[in-house]
Protein backbone atom coordinates (compact mmCIF):
# COMPACT_ATOMS: atom_id res chain seq x y z
CA MET A 1 -28.37 -29.51 -45.46
CA ALA A 2 -29.52 -28.52 -48.53
CA THR A 3 -29.23 -25.14 -47.44
CA LEU A 4 -25.43 -25.29 -46.88
CA GLY A 5 -25.05 -28.19 -49.53
CA ILE A 6 -24.40 -30.52 -47.39
CA ASP A 7 -25.24 -33.92 -49.37
CA ALA A 8 -24.87 -36.56 -46.39
CA LEU A 9 -23.87 -35.83 -43.19
CA LEU A 10 -21.71 -38.82 -40.66
CA LEU A 11 -22.26 -38.65 -37.30
CA SER A 12 -19.71 -40.64 -35.13
CA HIS A 13 -18.43 -39.83 -31.50
CA GLY A 14 -19.33 -36.74 -30.08
CA ALA A 15 -23.36 -35.46 -29.44
CA ASP A 16 -24.89 -35.40 -32.38
CA LEU A 17 -25.57 -39.52 -32.89
CA PRO A 18 -27.29 -39.38 -29.06
CA TRP A 19 -29.24 -35.93 -29.71
CA LEU A 20 -30.24 -37.82 -32.71
CA THR A 21 -30.69 -41.73 -32.22
CA GLY A 22 -30.72 -41.69 -28.33
CA TYR A 23 -27.35 -44.00 -29.08
CA ARG A 24 -24.13 -42.78 -27.38
CA ALA A 25 -21.39 -44.63 -28.99
CA MET A 26 -18.43 -46.17 -26.94
CA PRO A 27 -15.34 -44.54 -27.75
CA LEU A 28 -13.93 -47.55 -29.50
CA GLU A 29 -11.50 -47.61 -32.57
CA ARG A 30 -14.25 -49.82 -33.71
CA LEU A 31 -16.23 -47.62 -36.86
CA THR A 32 -19.56 -45.94 -35.85
CA LEU A 33 -20.94 -43.53 -37.79
CA LEU A 34 -24.34 -42.38 -38.76
CA VAL A 35 -24.77 -42.28 -43.01
CA LEU A 36 -27.59 -39.34 -43.01
CA PRO A 37 -28.23 -38.06 -46.85
CA LEU A 38 -30.02 -35.60 -47.60
CA THR A 39 -32.53 -37.65 -50.00
CA GLY A 40 -32.73 -41.28 -48.85
CA ASP A 41 -32.27 -43.28 -45.24
CA PRO A 42 -30.84 -42.79 -42.94
CA VAL A 43 -28.06 -46.04 -41.79
CA LEU A 44 -26.13 -46.66 -38.59
CA VAL A 45 -23.45 -48.55 -39.13
CA VAL A 46 -21.96 -50.50 -35.76
CA PRO A 47 -19.62 -53.47 -34.69
CA GLY A 48 -21.53 -55.97 -34.29
CA LEU A 49 -20.98 -56.59 -30.72
CA GLU A 50 -22.33 -53.53 -30.39
CA ALA A 51 -25.49 -53.73 -31.77
CA PRO A 52 -27.91 -55.23 -28.48
CA ARG A 53 -26.43 -50.87 -26.98
CA VAL A 54 -28.78 -49.24 -29.84
CA PRO A 55 -31.73 -48.28 -28.86
CA ASP A 56 -34.83 -50.01 -30.83
CA PRO A 57 -35.36 -47.38 -33.78
CA GLY A 58 -38.71 -47.23 -34.72
CA GLY A 59 -38.29 -47.18 -38.43
CA LEU A 60 -36.28 -44.48 -37.78
CA PHE A 61 -33.03 -45.59 -39.02
CA GLU A 62 -31.81 -48.93 -40.14
CA LEU A 63 -29.21 -50.61 -38.04
CA ARG A 64 -25.98 -51.97 -40.24
CA PRO A 65 -23.60 -54.02 -38.11
CA TRP A 66 -20.65 -55.26 -39.04
CA SER A 67 -18.33 -57.83 -38.54
CA ASP A 68 -14.39 -57.80 -37.75
CA ALA A 69 -14.45 -59.49 -41.20
CA GLU A 70 -15.59 -56.85 -42.94
CA ASP A 71 -14.10 -53.24 -43.31
CA PRO A 72 -17.01 -50.81 -41.92
CA VAL A 73 -15.04 -47.18 -44.04
CA ASP A 74 -16.52 -49.81 -47.52
CA LEU A 75 -19.72 -50.40 -45.82
CA VAL A 76 -20.18 -46.30 -45.63
CA VAL A 77 -18.56 -45.91 -48.99
CA ASP A 78 -20.99 -48.01 -50.40
CA LEU A 79 -23.45 -46.47 -49.13
CA LEU A 80 -22.83 -42.89 -49.93
CA ARG A 81 -22.32 -44.00 -53.90
CA ARG A 82 -26.28 -44.64 -53.84
CA ALA A 83 -26.31 -41.32 -54.82
CA PRO A 84 -24.06 -38.44 -56.75
CA VAL A 85 -22.04 -37.03 -52.89
CA THR A 86 -19.52 -33.81 -53.44
CA ARG A 87 -19.39 -32.34 -49.84
CA LEU A 88 -19.78 -34.41 -46.65
CA ALA A 89 -20.26 -32.87 -43.05
CA VAL A 90 -18.70 -35.60 -40.48
CA SER A 91 -18.84 -35.40 -36.98
CA ASP A 92 -15.99 -32.55 -35.36
CA ARG A 93 -14.98 -35.42 -32.44
CA ALA A 94 -14.53 -38.44 -35.42
CA TRP A 95 -11.80 -39.54 -35.30
CA ALA A 96 -9.31 -38.31 -38.00
CA THR A 97 -8.26 -42.00 -38.61
CA THR A 98 -11.59 -42.41 -39.79
CA VAL A 99 -12.26 -39.45 -41.88
CA LEU A 100 -8.53 -39.34 -43.30
CA ALA A 101 -10.06 -43.41 -44.82
CA LEU A 102 -12.85 -42.04 -45.88
CA GLN A 103 -11.31 -39.39 -47.48
CA ARG A 104 -8.54 -41.43 -49.20
CA ARG A 105 -11.28 -43.76 -50.16
CA LEU A 106 -13.40 -40.23 -51.63
CA PRO A 107 -11.64 -38.17 -53.79
CA GLY A 108 -12.73 -35.45 -54.90
CA VAL A 109 -15.05 -34.49 -52.38
CA ASP A 110 -15.31 -30.91 -50.20
CA TRP A 111 -15.39 -31.62 -46.90
CA ALA A 112 -17.01 -30.20 -43.60
CA GLU A 113 -17.99 -30.09 -39.83
CA ALA A 114 -21.37 -31.25 -38.64
CA SER A 115 -21.35 -29.36 -36.48
CA ARG A 116 -22.23 -26.31 -39.15
CA VAL A 117 -25.50 -28.41 -39.71
CA THR A 118 -26.62 -29.75 -36.10
CA SER A 119 -24.99 -26.82 -34.00
CA PRO A 120 -27.75 -23.89 -34.51
CA ILE A 121 -30.71 -26.70 -33.94
CA ARG A 122 -29.38 -27.90 -31.08
CA ALA A 123 -28.69 -24.48 -29.41
CA VAL A 124 -32.28 -23.86 -29.54
CA LYS A 125 -33.75 -26.17 -26.93
CA ASP A 126 -37.38 -27.71 -26.79
CA HIS A 127 -39.70 -27.98 -23.89
CA HIS A 128 -38.31 -31.73 -23.30
CA GLU A 129 -35.17 -30.97 -23.62
CA LEU A 130 -35.47 -27.69 -21.56
CA ASP A 131 -37.39 -30.05 -18.74
CA ALA A 132 -34.33 -32.17 -19.02
CA LEU A 133 -31.61 -29.46 -18.32
CA ARG A 134 -33.98 -28.09 -15.50
CA ALA A 135 -33.86 -31.28 -13.94
CA ALA A 136 -30.66 -31.83 -13.97
CA GLY A 137 -29.66 -28.36 -12.48
CA ALA A 138 -31.81 -29.01 -9.68
CA ALA A 139 -29.48 -32.13 -9.27
CA ALA A 140 -26.54 -29.88 -8.92
CA ASP A 141 -28.18 -27.31 -6.84
CA ARG A 142 -28.85 -29.96 -3.74
CA VAL A 143 -25.86 -31.03 -3.98
CA ALA A 144 -24.13 -26.98 -3.41
CA ALA A 145 -26.96 -27.08 -0.84
CA VAL A 146 -25.13 -30.08 1.16
CA LEU A 147 -22.09 -27.88 0.47
CA GLN A 148 -22.54 -24.51 1.80
CA SER A 149 -24.37 -25.60 4.46
CA GLY A 150 -21.19 -27.48 6.21
CA GLY A 151 -22.42 -31.49 5.23
CA ILE A 152 -18.79 -32.05 3.33
CA PRO A 153 -15.75 -30.91 5.45
CA MET A 154 -13.51 -28.93 3.98
CA ALA A 155 -10.28 -27.57 6.25
CA GLY A 156 -7.86 -30.36 6.32
CA ARG A 157 -9.09 -32.64 4.18
CA THR A 158 -7.60 -32.79 0.42
CA GLU A 159 -8.73 -31.42 -2.89
CA ALA A 160 -8.75 -34.44 -4.09
CA GLU A 161 -11.13 -35.97 -1.33
CA VAL A 162 -13.44 -32.81 -1.65
CA SER A 163 -14.01 -33.34 -5.34
CA GLY A 164 -14.44 -37.17 -4.94
CA ARG A 165 -17.64 -36.52 -2.12
CA ILE A 166 -19.50 -33.97 -4.24
CA GLY A 167 -19.13 -36.64 -7.59
CA ALA A 168 -20.33 -38.83 -4.85
CA LEU A 169 -23.53 -36.62 -4.36
CA LEU A 170 -23.63 -36.17 -8.12
CA LEU A 171 -24.46 -39.39 -8.72
CA ASP A 172 -27.07 -39.94 -5.75
CA GLU A 173 -28.49 -37.06 -6.99
CA GLY A 174 -29.49 -39.01 -10.04
CA HIS A 175 -26.70 -37.70 -12.69
CA SER A 176 -25.60 -41.13 -14.22
CA ALA A 177 -22.10 -39.69 -14.74
CA VAL A 178 -19.88 -36.84 -13.54
CA ASN A 179 -18.31 -35.44 -15.88
CA PHE A 180 -16.03 -32.99 -13.69
CA ALA A 181 -15.53 -31.85 -9.73
CA ILE A 182 -13.54 -28.89 -9.86
CA VAL A 183 -11.84 -27.94 -6.21
CA GLY A 184 -9.31 -25.72 -5.86
CA SER A 185 -8.13 -24.11 -2.33
CA GLY A 186 -6.02 -21.33 -1.68
CA PRO A 187 -3.71 -20.10 -4.73
CA ASN A 188 -5.27 -23.18 -7.10
CA ALA A 189 -9.12 -21.08 -6.88
CA ALA A 190 -6.52 -18.89 -9.18
CA SER A 191 -6.26 -21.99 -11.73
CA PRO A 192 -10.09 -21.16 -13.19
CA HIS A 193 -9.84 -25.48 -14.49
CA HIS A 194 -7.39 -26.58 -11.88
CA GLU A 195 -7.27 -30.39 -11.44
CA PRO A 196 -8.17 -30.71 -7.62
CA GLY A 197 -4.78 -33.23 -5.85
CA SER A 198 -2.70 -33.78 -2.96
CA ARG A 199 -3.60 -29.80 -1.70
CA VAL A 200 -4.68 -29.88 2.33
CA ILE A 201 -7.45 -27.24 2.30
CA GLY A 202 -6.65 -24.35 4.81
CA ARG A 203 -8.44 -21.80 7.49
CA GLY A 204 -9.73 -18.69 5.75
CA GLU A 205 -8.96 -19.33 1.89
CA THR A 206 -11.73 -19.77 -0.86
CA VAL A 207 -12.29 -22.70 -2.15
CA VAL A 208 -13.54 -22.52 -6.25
CA CYS A 209 -16.48 -25.33 -6.59
CA ASP A 210 -16.97 -25.84 -10.49
CA PHE A 211 -19.32 -29.78 -10.71
CA GLY A 212 -21.34 -31.13 -12.97
CA GLY A 213 -22.61 -34.38 -14.63
CA THR A 214 -25.15 -36.12 -17.30
CA LEU A 215 -28.51 -36.58 -15.40
CA ALA A 216 -31.20 -38.61 -18.67
CA LEU A 217 -34.77 -38.47 -18.33
CA ASP A 218 -36.56 -41.40 -19.86
CA ASP A 219 -34.19 -43.38 -20.86
CA GLY A 220 -33.19 -39.99 -23.10
CA PRO A 221 -29.23 -39.20 -24.36
CA GLY A 222 -29.15 -37.32 -21.10
CA TYR A 223 -28.27 -33.17 -20.53
CA CYS A 224 -25.83 -31.79 -18.75
CA SER A 225 -25.99 -29.79 -15.37
CA ASP A 226 -22.77 -26.90 -14.80
CA ILE A 227 -22.63 -25.13 -11.50
CA THR A 228 -19.78 -23.31 -9.95
CA ARG A 229 -20.08 -21.84 -5.94
CA THR A 230 -16.60 -20.48 -4.02
CA VAL A 231 -17.19 -20.45 -0.22
CA VAL A 232 -14.57 -19.82 1.97
CA THR A 233 -12.98 -21.90 4.90
CA GLY A 234 -13.92 -19.09 7.65
CA ALA A 235 -14.12 -15.37 7.91
CA PRO A 236 -13.15 -13.65 4.58
CA SER A 237 -10.36 -11.08 4.27
CA ASP A 238 -11.63 -7.41 3.70
CA GLU A 239 -10.35 -7.96 0.47
CA VAL A 240 -11.65 -11.27 -0.43
CA ALA A 241 -15.18 -10.25 0.34
CA ALA A 242 -14.46 -6.72 -2.15
CA CYS A 243 -14.07 -8.78 -4.56
CA TYR A 244 -17.08 -11.43 -4.42
CA SER A 245 -19.31 -8.19 -3.65
CA VAL A 246 -18.29 -7.00 -7.39
CA LEU A 247 -18.15 -11.03 -9.16
CA LEU A 248 -21.33 -11.21 -7.38
CA GLU A 249 -23.09 -8.29 -9.46
CA ALA A 250 -21.56 -8.48 -12.49
CA GLN A 251 -22.74 -11.99 -12.41
CA GLN A 252 -26.36 -10.75 -11.73
CA ALA A 253 -26.13 -7.98 -14.45
CA ALA A 254 -25.23 -10.48 -17.24
CA VAL A 255 -27.87 -12.71 -15.92
CA ALA A 256 -30.55 -10.19 -16.18
CA SER A 257 -29.53 -8.76 -19.74
CA ALA A 258 -29.41 -12.16 -21.34
CA CYS A 259 -33.03 -11.60 -22.99
CA ALA A 260 -33.84 -12.59 -26.53
CA GLY A 261 -32.20 -10.53 -29.51
CA VAL A 262 -28.95 -9.34 -26.98
CA THR A 263 -26.89 -10.97 -28.85
CA ALA A 264 -24.03 -13.10 -27.40
CA ALA A 265 -20.96 -10.94 -26.78
CA SER A 266 -23.51 -8.52 -25.60
CA VAL A 267 -23.82 -10.24 -21.73
CA ASP A 268 -20.26 -10.86 -22.01
CA ARG A 269 -19.47 -7.39 -22.26
CA VAL A 270 -22.22 -6.51 -19.09
CA ALA A 271 -19.97 -8.48 -17.05
CA ARG A 272 -17.14 -7.76 -17.76
CA THR A 273 -17.74 -4.09 -17.00
CA VAL A 274 -18.86 -4.31 -14.08
CA ILE A 275 -15.27 -6.01 -13.06
CA GLU A 276 -13.34 -3.75 -15.02
CA ASP A 277 -14.39 -0.45 -13.57
CA ALA A 278 -14.03 -2.13 -10.25
CA GLY A 279 -10.52 -2.40 -11.16
CA TYR A 280 -10.07 -6.10 -11.45
CA GLY A 281 -10.26 -6.23 -15.84
CA GLU A 282 -7.13 -7.70 -15.99
CA LEU A 283 -8.27 -10.55 -13.10
CA PHE A 284 -10.89 -11.54 -15.17
CA ILE A 285 -9.53 -14.21 -17.23
CA HIS A 286 -12.16 -16.28 -19.83
CA ARG A 287 -15.68 -15.65 -20.83
CA THR A 288 -18.72 -15.62 -19.56
CA GLY A 289 -20.34 -18.88 -20.00
CA HIS A 290 -21.20 -21.59 -22.75
CA GLY A 291 -23.60 -23.59 -23.98
CA ILE A 292 -25.04 -26.39 -22.62
CA GLY A 293 -27.19 -29.05 -23.36
CA ILE A 294 -26.18 -32.34 -24.70
CA GLU A 295 -22.74 -31.46 -23.70
CA GLU A 296 -20.90 -29.38 -21.09
CA HIS A 297 -19.71 -27.05 -23.69
CA GLU A 298 -21.85 -26.20 -27.02
CA ASP A 299 -22.91 -23.17 -28.66
CA PRO A 300 -24.11 -20.38 -27.97
CA TYR A 301 -20.55 -19.13 -26.14
CA LEU A 302 -20.80 -16.02 -24.71
CA VAL A 303 -17.69 -14.34 -25.66
CA VAL A 304 -16.51 -11.35 -27.06
CA GLY A 305 -17.14 -11.03 -31.27
CA ASN A 306 -19.77 -13.49 -30.85
CA ASP A 307 -22.73 -11.81 -32.62
CA GLU A 308 -25.35 -14.30 -32.07
CA VAL A 309 -28.39 -13.29 -31.62
CA LEU A 310 -30.01 -15.20 -28.11
CA VAL A 311 -33.85 -16.36 -29.00
CA PRO A 312 -36.31 -18.02 -26.96
CA GLY A 313 -34.81 -22.00 -26.02
CA HIS A 314 -31.02 -20.88 -25.73
CA ALA A 315 -29.17 -22.52 -22.65
CA PHE A 316 -25.65 -21.57 -21.23
CA SER A 317 -23.67 -20.67 -18.57
CA VAL A 318 -23.00 -17.45 -16.82
CA GLU A 319 -20.18 -17.71 -14.84
CA PRO A 320 -17.58 -14.11 -14.25
CA GLY A 321 -14.91 -14.60 -12.42
CA ILE A 322 -12.27 -12.88 -10.36
CA TYR A 323 -8.44 -14.65 -10.16
CA ALA A 324 -5.38 -13.36 -8.22
CA SER A 325 -2.66 -15.42 -9.28
CA GLY A 326 -0.59 -17.33 -6.22
CA ARG A 327 -3.49 -15.87 -3.91
CA PHE A 328 -6.69 -16.75 -4.45
CA GLY A 329 -9.80 -16.83 -7.05
CA MET A 330 -13.34 -17.41 -7.34
CA ARG A 331 -16.45 -17.61 -9.97
CA LEU A 332 -20.36 -17.88 -9.94
CA GLU A 333 -21.86 -19.77 -11.72
CA ASP A 334 -25.41 -20.54 -12.91
CA ILE A 335 -27.39 -22.18 -16.02
CA VAL A 336 -29.37 -19.81 -17.47
CA VAL A 337 -32.16 -20.64 -20.09
CA ILE A 338 -34.13 -18.11 -22.65
CA GLY A 339 -38.29 -18.68 -21.69
CA PRO A 340 -40.93 -18.68 -24.30
CA ASP A 341 -41.13 -14.98 -23.20
CA GLY A 342 -37.55 -14.23 -24.52
CA GLN A 343 -36.39 -13.79 -20.11
CA PRO A 344 -33.83 -15.07 -18.44
CA GLU A 345 -34.95 -18.02 -16.24
CA PRO A 346 -31.47 -18.85 -13.97
CA LEU A 347 -31.45 -23.03 -13.32
CA ASN A 348 -30.13 -22.67 -10.35
CA ALA A 349 -30.87 -21.12 -7.36
CA ALA A 350 -27.98 -22.19 -4.70
CA ASP A 351 -26.92 -19.81 -2.64
CA HIS A 352 -24.98 -17.22 -4.26
CA ALA A 353 -23.17 -15.61 -1.27
CA LEU A 354 -20.09 -16.35 -0.54
CA VAL A 355 -20.99 -18.65 2.49
CA VAL A 356 -18.67 -19.93 5.41
CA VAL A 357 -17.99 -22.97 5.84
CA ASP A 358 -16.22 -23.26 8.92
CA ASN A 359 -15.38 -26.84 9.10
């Protein structure tokens, strides 16, 4: 904060608040805001009816509940005026109404995104956070193993039915929430973020299953899982098998390259080069990966142009894909962390082959 000239952080909805306090605010219209000044004590301003949900701060911050008879923006402004403020950083996902109200009452103040302060710190996980990610990854692996063993009927079921079953298994494996359970079959598999619907999965089709949730250890804020495995409902065509062979090579090469000291963009380039050299470059239509932690997507991003140097403690997905529009698609994703030795540690060990689920 001092380096960036930030006088106070104002943290509301989003991951920064639970990361620092253990409290995840409900997405209500009522204002919740942690006022964290550069000097002085932090204060968490919360609606009175939400105060019982806040974990015991243990002296870390002051809890200031507000009633419906009070104006919480006035409370925040009064807190900020305890010391001169010229530059404030606010949560990237704070409600626009909150930001605009504060700006009206604090004219002449310069504003910045809180992520400029928090994201570089959050991106480098400590050993407790890595243990939480490992536990979440292992739980997702167990769901993937059920999927690949044929434990989730595919052919003749709708994508929505399969998605629901995957979500239920994530909860059974200890996740507190299902963040997504993408199931894209046949031509829908060529849409990376396809919303599973009423389409009935047929025989001989690729089915992209990308799923993850939030798993909490020791009553913490919870860390995310994210895994993608592509299966095929019957023997794959020669074209699909050839494409998947390229995809597997690209994913494994990118994982192996993700060592401390290389840039995020270079890992993307490794995966992309394998796919381009095989003639499928135009069918790889997204970045290679994203960071992961309390949020499903956070820094660092493995994408062209990102020259951030990877360091021990970084955690991210490696998920190249090949998408033939209107025909088929495939993606392969693991979560990878960079260990203390600077080497990549994949957190997912579920079978990386194009598994045939003939059921």
